[in-house]
């Protein structure tokens, strides 16, 4: 793990690319704060249901993986799924 920030973005990109039908439309951006970083995720309109999942289960699972991975970095990451 070279840079924690890049690896968290890459982690979210990897997870979402495997779930969606249009991986070329996945956009992951990061907003950096003092202790908390926000990762924004945009996917194609047809793929938003696959990312959120039934009753939000898939989104919660992605957030759990992100929280577990970020614990090593002593930082907090929040995942925002942007629905346009």
PDB file of N, CA and C in Angstrom:
ATOM      1  N   UNK A   1       0.854  -1.172   0.000  1.00  0.00           N
ATOM      2  CA  UNK A   1       0.000   0.000   0.000  1.00  0.00           C
ATOM      3  C   UNK A   1       0.896   1.230   0.000  1.00  0.00           C
ATOM      4  N   UNK A   2       0.958   1.900  -1.128  1.00  0.00           N
ATOM      5  CA  UNK A   2       1.823   3.060  -1.264  1.00  0.00           C
ATOM      6  C   UNK A   2       1.205   4.280  -0.628  1.00  0.00           C
ATOM      7  N   UNK A   3       0.008   4.615  -1.056  1.00  0.00           N
ATOM      8  CA  UNK A   3      -0.686   5.786  -0.537  1.00  0.00           C
ATOM      9  C   UNK A   3      -2.097   5.368  -0.160  1.00  0.00           C
ATOM     10  N   UNK A   4      -2.468   5.619   1.077  1.00  0.00           N
ATOM     11  CA  UNK A   4      -3.774   5.195   1.556  1.00  0.00           C
ATOM     12  C   UNK A   4      -4.921   5.797   0.778  1.00  0.00           C
ATOM     13  N   UNK A   5      -4.775   7.065   0.374  1.00  0.00           N
ATOM     14  CA  UNK A   5      -5.831   7.731  -0.360  1.00  0.00           C
ATOM     15  C   UNK A   5      -6.078   7.050  -1.694  1.00  0.00           C
ATOM     16  N   UNK A   6      -5.017   6.822  -2.437  1.00  0.00           N
ATOM     17  CA  UNK A   6      -5.160   6.185  -3.743  1.00  0.00           C
ATOM     18  C   UNK A   6      -5.686   4.763  -3.606  1.00  0.00           C
ATOM     19  N   UNK A   7      -5.246   4.058  -2.594  1.00  0.00           N
ATOM     20  CA  UNK A   7      -5.682   2.678  -2.454  1.00  0.00           C
ATOM     21  C   UNK A   7      -7.167   2.592  -2.085  1.00  0.00           C
ATOM     22  N   UNK A   8      -7.682   3.540  -1.337  1.00  0.00           N
ATOM     23  CA  UNK A   8      -9.106   3.537  -1.004  1.00  0.00           C
ATOM     24  C   UNK A   8      -9.943   3.822  -2.250  1.00  0.00           C
ATOM     25  N   UNK A   9      -9.497   4.764  -3.078  1.00  0.00           N
ATOM     26  CA  UNK A   9     -10.197   5.040  -4.329  1.00  0.00           C
ATOM     27  C   UNK A   9     -10.147   3.811  -5.232  1.00  0.00           C
ATOM     28  N   UNK A  10      -8.994   3.178  -5.308  1.00  0.00           N
ATOM     29  CA  UNK A  10      -8.845   1.987  -6.141  1.00  0.00           C
ATOM     30  C   UNK A  10      -9.713   0.844  -5.618  1.00  0.00           C
ATOM     31  N   UNK A  11      -9.818   0.721  -4.304  1.00  0.00           N
ATOM     32  CA  UNK A  11     -10.660  -0.311  -3.710  1.00  0.00           C
ATOM     33  C   UNK A  11     -12.114  -0.125  -4.124  1.00  0.00           C
ATOM     34  N   UNK A  12     -12.621   1.092  -4.008  1.00  0.00           N
ATOM     35  CA  UNK A  12     -14.010   1.377  -4.383  1.00  0.00           C
ATOM     36  C   UNK A  12     -14.210   1.169  -5.882  1.00  0.00           C
ATOM     37  N   UNK A  13     -13.243   1.592  -6.697  1.00  0.00           N
ATOM     38  CA  UNK A  13     -13.345   1.383  -8.143  1.00  0.00           C
ATOM     39  C   UNK A  13     -13.383  -0.103  -8.475  1.00  0.00           C
ATOM     40  N   UNK A  14     -12.531  -0.873  -7.844  1.00  0.00           N
ATOM     41  CA  UNK A  14     -12.491  -2.309  -8.115  1.00  0.00           C
ATOM     42  C   UNK A  14     -13.821  -2.979  -7.754  1.00  0.00           C
ATOM     43  N   UNK A  15     -14.339  -2.655  -6.583  1.00  0.00           N
ATOM     44  CA  UNK A  15     -15.603  -3.265  -6.139  1.00  0.00           C
ATOM     45  C   UNK A  15     -16.736  -2.886  -7.087  1.00  0.00           C
ATOM     46  N   UNK A  16     -16.832  -1.603  -7.424  1.00  0.00           N
ATOM     47  CA  UNK A  16     -17.948  -1.159  -8.255  1.00  0.00           C
ATOM     48  C   UNK A  16     -17.822  -1.655  -9.693  1.00  0.00           C
ATOM     49  N   UNK A  17     -16.603  -1.737 -10.213  1.00  0.00           N
ATOM     50  CA  UNK A  17     -16.432  -2.236 -11.585  1.00  0.00           C
ATOM     51  C   UNK A  17     -16.930  -3.673 -11.722  1.00  0.00           C
ATOM     52  N   UNK A  18     -16.776  -4.460 -10.677  1.00  0.00           N
ATOM     53  CA  UNK A  18     -17.221  -5.846 -10.748  1.00  0.00           C
ATOM     54  C   UNK A  18     -18.732  -5.980 -10.603  1.00  0.00           C
ATOM     55  N   UNK A  19     -19.393  -4.972 -10.070  1.00  0.00           N
ATOM     56  CA  UNK A  19     -20.839  -5.055  -9.833  1.00  0.00           C
ATOM     57  C   UNK A  19     -21.698  -4.493 -10.956  1.00  0.00           C
ATOM     58  N   UNK A  20     -21.170  -3.527 -11.699  1.00  0.00           N
ATOM     59  CA  UNK A  20     -22.001  -2.783 -12.650  1.00  0.00           C
ATOM     60  C   UNK A  20     -21.902  -3.333 -14.066  1.00  0.00           C
ATOM     61  N   UNK A  21     -22.866  -2.940 -14.907  1.00  0.00           N
ATOM     62  CA  UNK A  21     -22.865  -3.310 -16.319  1.00  0.00           C
ATOM     63  C   UNK A  21     -22.057  -2.331 -17.165  1.00  0.00           C
ATOM     64  N   UNK A  22     -21.905  -1.103 -16.693  1.00  0.00           N
ATOM     65  CA  UNK A  22     -21.189  -0.064 -17.434  1.00  0.00           C
ATOM     66  C   UNK A  22     -19.997   0.447 -16.607  1.00  0.00           C
ATOM     67  N   UNK A  23     -18.923  -0.343 -16.524  1.00  0.00           N
ATOM     68  CA  UNK A  23     -17.792   0.060 -15.682  1.00  0.00           C
ATOM     69  C   UNK A  23     -17.061   1.306 -16.179  1.00  0.00           C
ATOM     70  N   UNK A  24     -17.202   1.631 -17.460  1.00  0.00           N
ATOM     71  CA  UNK A  24     -16.540   2.824 -17.980  1.00  0.00           C
ATOM     72  C   UNK A  24     -17.193   4.108 -17.488  1.00  0.00           C
ATOM     73  N   UNK A  25     -18.388   4.020 -16.924  1.00  0.00           N
ATOM     74  CA  UNK A  25     -19.085   5.205 -16.418  1.00  0.00           C
ATOM     75  C   UNK A  25     -18.948   5.379 -14.905  1.00  0.00           C
ATOM     76  N   UNK A  26     -18.119   4.567 -14.272  1.00  0.00           N
ATOM     77  CA  UNK A  26     -17.896   4.691 -12.837  1.00  0.00           C
ATOM     78  C   UNK A  26     -16.924   5.843 -12.584  1.00  0.00           C
ATOM     79  N   UNK A  27     -17.320   6.766 -11.717  1.00  0.00           N
ATOM     80  CA  UNK A  27     -16.474   7.889 -11.328  1.00  0.00           C
ATOM     81  C   UNK A  27     -16.327   7.887  -9.812  1.00  0.00           C
ATOM     82  N   UNK A  28     -15.079   7.863  -9.357  1.00  0.00           N
ATOM     83  CA  UNK A  28     -14.794   7.895  -7.922  1.00  0.00           C
ATOM     84  C   UNK A  28     -13.935   9.119  -7.650  1.00  0.00           C
ATOM     85  N   UNK A  29     -14.431  10.012  -6.800  1.00  0.00           N
ATOM     86  CA  UNK A  29     -13.668  11.200  -6.411  1.00  0.00           C
ATOM     87  C   UNK A  29     -13.570  11.237  -4.894  1.00  0.00           C
ATOM     88  N   UNK A  30     -12.565  11.934  -4.414  1.00  0.00           N
ATOM     89  CA  UNK A  30     -12.360  12.006  -2.974  1.00  0.00           C
ATOM     90  C   UNK A  30     -12.210  13.439  -2.511  1.00  0.00           C
ATOM     91  N   UNK A  31     -12.906  13.754  -1.437  1.00  0.00           N
ATOM     92  CA  UNK A  31     -12.794  15.044  -0.772  1.00  0.00           C
ATOM     93  C   UNK A  31     -12.062  14.802   0.544  1.00  0.00           C
ATOM     94  N   UNK A  32     -10.942  15.468   0.724  1.00  0.00           N
ATOM     95  CA  UNK A  32     -10.094  15.212   1.882  1.00  0.00           C
ATOM     96  C   UNK A  32     -10.348  16.231   2.979  1.00  0.00           C
ATOM     97  N   UNK A  33     -10.478  15.734   4.201  1.00  0.00           N
ATOM     98  CA  UNK A  33     -10.636  16.586   5.373  1.00  0.00           C
ATOM     99  C   UNK A  33      -9.531  16.309   6.374  1.00  0.00           C
ATOM    100  N   UNK A  34      -9.640  16.879   7.559  1.00  0.00           N
ATOM    101  CA  UNK A  34      -8.619  16.675   8.584  1.00  0.00           C
ATOM    102  C   UNK A  34      -8.558  15.229   9.041  1.00  0.00           C
ATOM    103  N   UNK A  35      -9.660  14.674   9.486  1.00  0.00           N
ATOM    104  CA  UNK A  35      -9.716  13.289   9.949  1.00  0.00           C
ATOM    105  C   UNK A  35     -10.633  12.426   9.102  1.00  0.00           C
ATOM    106  N   UNK A  36     -11.525  13.053   8.349  1.00  0.00           N
ATOM    107  CA  UNK A  36     -12.513  12.308   7.591  1.00  0.00           C
ATOM    108  C   UNK A  36     -12.384  12.632   6.108  1.00  0.00           C
ATOM    109  N   UNK A  37     -12.379  11.596   5.291  1.00  0.00           N
ATOM    110  CA  UNK A  37     -12.380  11.750   3.841  1.00  0.00           C
ATOM    111  C   UNK A  37     -13.718  11.255   3.317  1.00  0.00           C
ATOM    112  N   UNK A  38     -14.222  11.944   2.312  1.00  0.00           N
ATOM    113  CA  UNK A  38     -15.482  11.563   1.692  1.00  0.00           C
ATOM    114  C   UNK A  38     -15.181  11.047   0.294  1.00  0.00           C
ATOM    115  N   UNK A  39     -15.638   9.848   0.007  1.00  0.00           N
ATOM    116  CA  UNK A  39     -15.494   9.282  -1.321  1.00  0.00           C
ATOM    117  C   UNK A  39     -16.859   9.329  -1.986  1.00  0.00           C
ATOM    118  N   UNK A  40     -16.903  10.023  -3.128  1.00  0.00           N
ATOM    119  CA  UNK A  40     -18.145  10.147  -3.880  1.00  0.00           C
ATOM    120  C   UNK A  40     -18.116   9.157  -5.034  1.00  0.00           C
ATOM    121  N   UNK A  41     -19.209   8.452  -5.211  1.00  0.00           N
ATOM    122  CA  UNK A  41     -19.309   7.430  -6.237  1.00  0.00           C
ATOM    123  C   UNK A  41     -20.466   7.762  -7.171  1.00  0.00           C
ATOM    124  N   UNK A  42     -20.161   7.861  -8.464  1.00  0.00           N
ATOM    125  CA  UNK A  42     -21.182   8.070  -9.487  1.00  0.00           C
ATOM    126  C   UNK A  42     -21.119   6.885 -10.436  1.00  0.00           C
ATOM    127  N   UNK A  43     -22.280   6.336 -10.748  1.00  0.00           N
ATOM    128  CA  UNK A  43     -22.372   5.238 -11.718  1.00  0.00           C
ATOM    129  C   UNK A  43     -23.475   5.571 -12.714  1.00  0.00           C
ATOM    130  N   UNK A  44     -23.587   4.768 -13.758  1.00  0.00           N
ATOM    131  CA  UNK A  44     -24.639   4.963 -14.746  1.00  0.00           C
ATOM    132  C   UNK A  44     -26.003   4.816 -14.077  1.00  0.00           C
ATOM    133  N   UNK A  45     -26.969   5.491 -14.638  1.00  0.00           N
ATOM    134  CA  UNK A  45     -28.314   5.480 -14.059  1.00  0.00           C
ATOM    135  C   UNK A  45     -28.878   4.063 -13.955  1.00  0.00           C
ATOM    136  N   UNK A  46     -28.572   3.216 -14.941  1.00  0.00           N
ATOM    137  CA  UNK A  46     -29.070   1.838 -14.928  1.00  0.00           C
ATOM    138  C   UNK A  46     -28.388   0.983 -13.856  1.00  0.00           C
ATOM    139  N   UNK A  47     -27.217   1.404 -13.379  1.00  0.00           N
ATOM    140  CA  UNK A  47     -26.449   0.613 -12.419  1.00  0.00           C
ATOM    141  C   UNK A  47     -26.661   1.024 -10.965  1.00  0.00           C
ATOM    142  N   UNK A  48     -27.378   2.091 -10.722  1.00  0.00           N
ATOM    143  CA  UNK A  48     -27.515   2.593  -9.348  1.00  0.00           C
ATOM    144  C   UNK A  48     -28.183   1.557  -8.452  1.00  0.00           C
ATOM    145  N   UNK A  49     -29.123   0.814  -8.970  1.00  0.00           N
ATOM    146  CA  UNK A  49     -29.798  -0.216  -8.175  1.00  0.00           C
ATOM    147  C   UNK A  49     -28.865  -1.349  -7.794  1.00  0.00           C
ATOM    148  N   UNK A  50     -27.914  -1.662  -8.655  1.00  0.00           N
ATOM    149  CA  UNK A  50     -26.953  -2.720  -8.352  1.00  0.00           C
ATOM    150  C   UNK A  50     -25.982  -2.293  -7.262  1.00  0.00           C
ATOM    151  N   UNK A  51     -25.657  -1.020  -7.235  1.00  0.00           N
ATOM    152  CA  UNK A  51     -24.739  -0.520  -6.204  1.00  0.00           C
ATOM    153  C   UNK A  51     -25.446  -0.407  -4.860  1.00  0.00           C
ATOM    154  N   UNK A  52     -26.683   0.039  -4.859  1.00  0.00           N
ATOM    155  CA  UNK A  52     -27.419   0.186  -3.595  1.00  0.00           C
ATOM    156  C   UNK A  52     -27.885  -1.176  -3.088  1.00  0.00           C
ATOM    157  N   UNK A  53     -28.409  -2.004  -3.975  1.00  0.00           N
ATOM    158  CA  UNK A  53     -28.852  -3.342  -3.584  1.00  0.00           C
ATOM    159  C   UNK A  53     -30.207  -3.323  -2.909  1.00  0.00           C
ATOM    160  N   UNK A  54     -30.698  -4.507  -2.640  1.00  0.00           N
ATOM    161  CA  UNK A  54     -32.009  -4.645  -2.003  1.00  0.00           C
ATOM    162  C   UNK A  54     -31.919  -4.154  -0.559  1.00  0.00           C
ATOM    163  N   UNK A  55     -32.745  -3.195  -0.226  1.00  0.00           N
ATOM    164  CA  UNK A  55     -32.780  -2.568   1.108  1.00  0.00           C
ATOM    165  C   UNK A  55     -31.442  -1.969   1.511  1.00  0.00           C
ATOM    166  N   UNK A  56     -30.606  -1.607   0.528  1.00  0.00           N
ATOM    167  CA  UNK A  56     -29.324  -0.970   0.821  1.00  0.00           C
ATOM    168  C   UNK A  56     -28.236  -1.914   1.283  1.00  0.00           C
ATOM    169  N   UNK A  57     -28.436  -3.200   1.116  1.00  0.00           N
ATOM    170  CA  UNK A  57     -27.473  -4.177   1.620  1.00  0.00           C
ATOM    171  C   UNK A  57     -26.119  -4.090   0.920  1.00  0.00           C
ATOM    172  N   UNK A  58     -26.122  -3.925  -0.398  1.00  0.00           N
ATOM    173  CA  UNK A  58     -24.858  -3.850  -1.120  1.00  0.00           C
ATOM    174  C   UNK A  58     -24.092  -2.590  -0.741  1.00  0.00           C
ATOM    175  N   UNK A  59     -24.785  -1.467  -0.656  1.00  0.00           N
ATOM    176  CA  UNK A  59     -24.141  -0.216  -0.260  1.00  0.00           C
ATOM    177  C   UNK A  59     -23.562  -0.326   1.150  1.00  0.00           C
ATOM    178  N   UNK A  60     -24.305  -0.939   2.057  1.00  0.00           N
ATOM    179  CA  UNK A  60     -23.803  -1.121   3.419  1.00  0.00           C
ATOM    180  C   UNK A  60     -22.589  -2.037   3.448  1.00  0.00           C
ATOM    181  N   UNK A  61     -22.580  -3.058   2.611  1.00  0.00           N
ATOM    182  CA  UNK A  61     -21.430  -3.960   2.550  1.00  0.00           C
ATOM    183  C   UNK A  61     -20.197  -3.233   2.026  1.00  0.00           C
ATOM    184  N   UNK A  62     -20.368  -2.389   1.015  1.00  0.00           N
ATOM    185  CA  UNK A  62     -19.246  -1.609   0.483  1.00  0.00           C
ATOM    186  C   UNK A  62     -18.724  -0.667   1.559  1.00  0.00           C
ATOM    187  N   UNK A  63     -19.620  -0.030   2.293  1.00  0.00           N
ATOM    188  CA  UNK A  63     -19.203   0.875   3.373  1.00  0.00           C
ATOM    189  C   UNK A  63     -18.465   0.122   4.482  1.00  0.00           C
ATOM    190  N   UNK A  64     -18.900  -1.084   4.788  1.00  0.00           N
ATOM    191  CA  UNK A  64     -18.227  -1.889   5.810  1.00  0.00           C
ATOM    192  C   UNK A  64     -16.811  -2.241   5.376  1.00  0.00           C
ATOM    193  N   UNK A  65     -16.649  -2.637   4.124  1.00  0.00           N
ATOM    194  CA  UNK A  65     -15.310  -2.948   3.605  1.00  0.00           C
ATOM    195  C   UNK A  65     -14.431  -1.711   3.652  1.00  0.00           C
ATOM    196  N   UNK A  66     -14.977  -0.565   3.268  1.00  0.00           N
ATOM    197  CA  UNK A  66     -14.222   0.685   3.293  1.00  0.00           C
ATOM    198  C   UNK A  66     -13.796   1.043   4.709  1.00  0.00           C
ATOM    199  N   UNK A  67     -14.696   0.891   5.668  1.00  0.00           N
ATOM    200  CA  UNK A  67     -14.361   1.195   7.066  1.00  0.00           C
ATOM    201  C   UNK A  67     -13.286   0.262   7.607  1.00  0.00           C
ATOM    202  N   UNK A  68     -13.373  -1.013   7.274  1.00  0.00           N
ATOM    203  CA  UNK A  68     -12.368  -1.971   7.741  1.00  0.00           C
ATOM    204  C   UNK A  68     -11.004  -1.671   7.145  1.00  0.00           C
ATOM    205  N   UNK A  69     -10.975  -1.353   5.861  1.00  0.00           N
ATOM    206  CA  UNK A  69      -9.702  -1.060   5.199  1.00  0.00           C
ATOM    207  C   UNK A  69      -9.095   0.244   5.703  1.00  0.00           C
ATOM    208  N   UNK A  70      -9.926   1.219   6.035  1.00  0.00           N
ATOM    209  CA  UNK A  70      -9.409   2.515   6.463  1.00  0.00           C
ATOM    210  C   UNK A  70      -8.947   2.513   7.919  1.00  0.00           C
ATOM    211  N   UNK A  71      -9.305   1.502   8.674  1.00  0.00           N
ATOM    212  CA  UNK A  71      -8.885   1.424  10.076  1.00  0.00           C
ATOM    213  C   UNK A  71      -7.371   1.381  10.194  1.00  0.00           C
ATOM    214  N   UNK A  72      -6.712   0.702   9.252  1.00  0.00           N
ATOM    215  CA  UNK A  72      -5.252   0.634   9.270  1.00  0.00           C
ATOM    216  C   UNK A  72      -4.603   1.997   9.081  1.00  0.00           C
ATOM    217  N   UNK A  73      -5.296   2.893   8.398  1.00  0.00           N
ATOM    218  CA  UNK A  73      -4.754   4.215   8.112  1.00  0.00           C
ATOM    219  C   UNK A  73      -5.078   5.240   9.196  1.00  0.00           C
ATOM    220  N   UNK A  74      -5.840   4.829  10.206  1.00  0.00           N
ATOM    221  CA  UNK A  74      -6.287   5.731  11.275  1.00  0.00           C
ATOM    222  C   UNK A  74      -7.016   6.944  10.709  1.00  0.00           C
ATOM    223  N   UNK A  75      -7.804   6.707   9.685  1.00  0.00           N
ATOM    224  CA  UNK A  75      -8.621   7.756   9.085  1.00  0.00           C
ATOM    225  C   UNK A  75     -10.044   7.240   8.952  1.00  0.00           C
ATOM    226  N   UNK A  76     -10.952   8.136   8.745  1.00  0.00           N
ATOM    227  CA  UNK A  76     -12.356   7.762   8.572  1.00  0.00           C
ATOM    228  C   UNK A  76     -12.768   8.102   7.152  1.00  0.00           C
ATOM    229  N   UNK A  77     -13.384   7.171   6.496  1.00  0.00           N
ATOM    230  CA  UNK A  77     -13.871   7.364   5.135  1.00  0.00           C
ATOM    231  C   UNK A  77     -15.381   7.204   5.114  1.00  0.00           C
ATOM    232  N   UNK A  78     -16.037   8.096   4.398  1.00  0.00           N
ATOM    233  CA  UNK A  78     -17.488   8.045   4.223  1.00  0.00           C
ATOM    234  C   UNK A  78     -17.754   7.887   2.738  1.00  0.00           C
ATOM    235  N   UNK A  79     -18.642   6.979   2.392  1.00  0.00           N
ATOM    236  CA  UNK A  79     -18.999   6.752   0.997  1.00  0.00           C
ATOM    237  C   UNK A  79     -20.341   7.403   0.709  1.00  0.00           C
ATOM    238  N   UNK A  80     -20.342   8.320  -0.266  1.00  0.00           N
ATOM    239  CA  UNK A  80     -21.589   8.946  -0.748  1.00  0.00           C
ATOM    240  C   UNK A  80     -21.850   8.421  -2.151  1.00  0.00           C
ATOM    241  N   UNK A  81     -22.996   7.825  -2.346  1.00  0.00           N
ATOM    242  CA  UNK A  81     -23.396   7.355  -3.655  1.00  0.00           C
ATOM    243  C   UNK A  81     -24.284   8.440  -4.257  1.00  0.00           C
ATOM    244  N   UNK A  82     -23.828   9.016  -5.351  1.00  0.00           N
ATOM    245  CA  UNK A  82     -24.528  10.146  -5.966  1.00  0.00           C
ATOM    246  C   UNK A  82     -25.482   9.605  -7.029  1.00  0.00           C
ATOM    247  N   UNK A  83     -26.755   9.917  -6.843  1.00  0.00           N
ATOM    248  CA  UNK A  83     -27.805   9.462  -7.746  1.00  0.00           C
ATOM    249  C   UNK A  83     -28.301  10.671  -8.527  1.00  0.00           C
ATOM    250  N   UNK A  84     -28.058  10.677  -9.813  1.00  0.00           N
ATOM    251  CA  UNK A  84     -28.493  11.804 -10.630  1.00  0.00           C
ATOM    252  C   UNK A  84     -29.548  11.385 -11.609  1.00  0.00           C
TER     253      UNK A  84
END
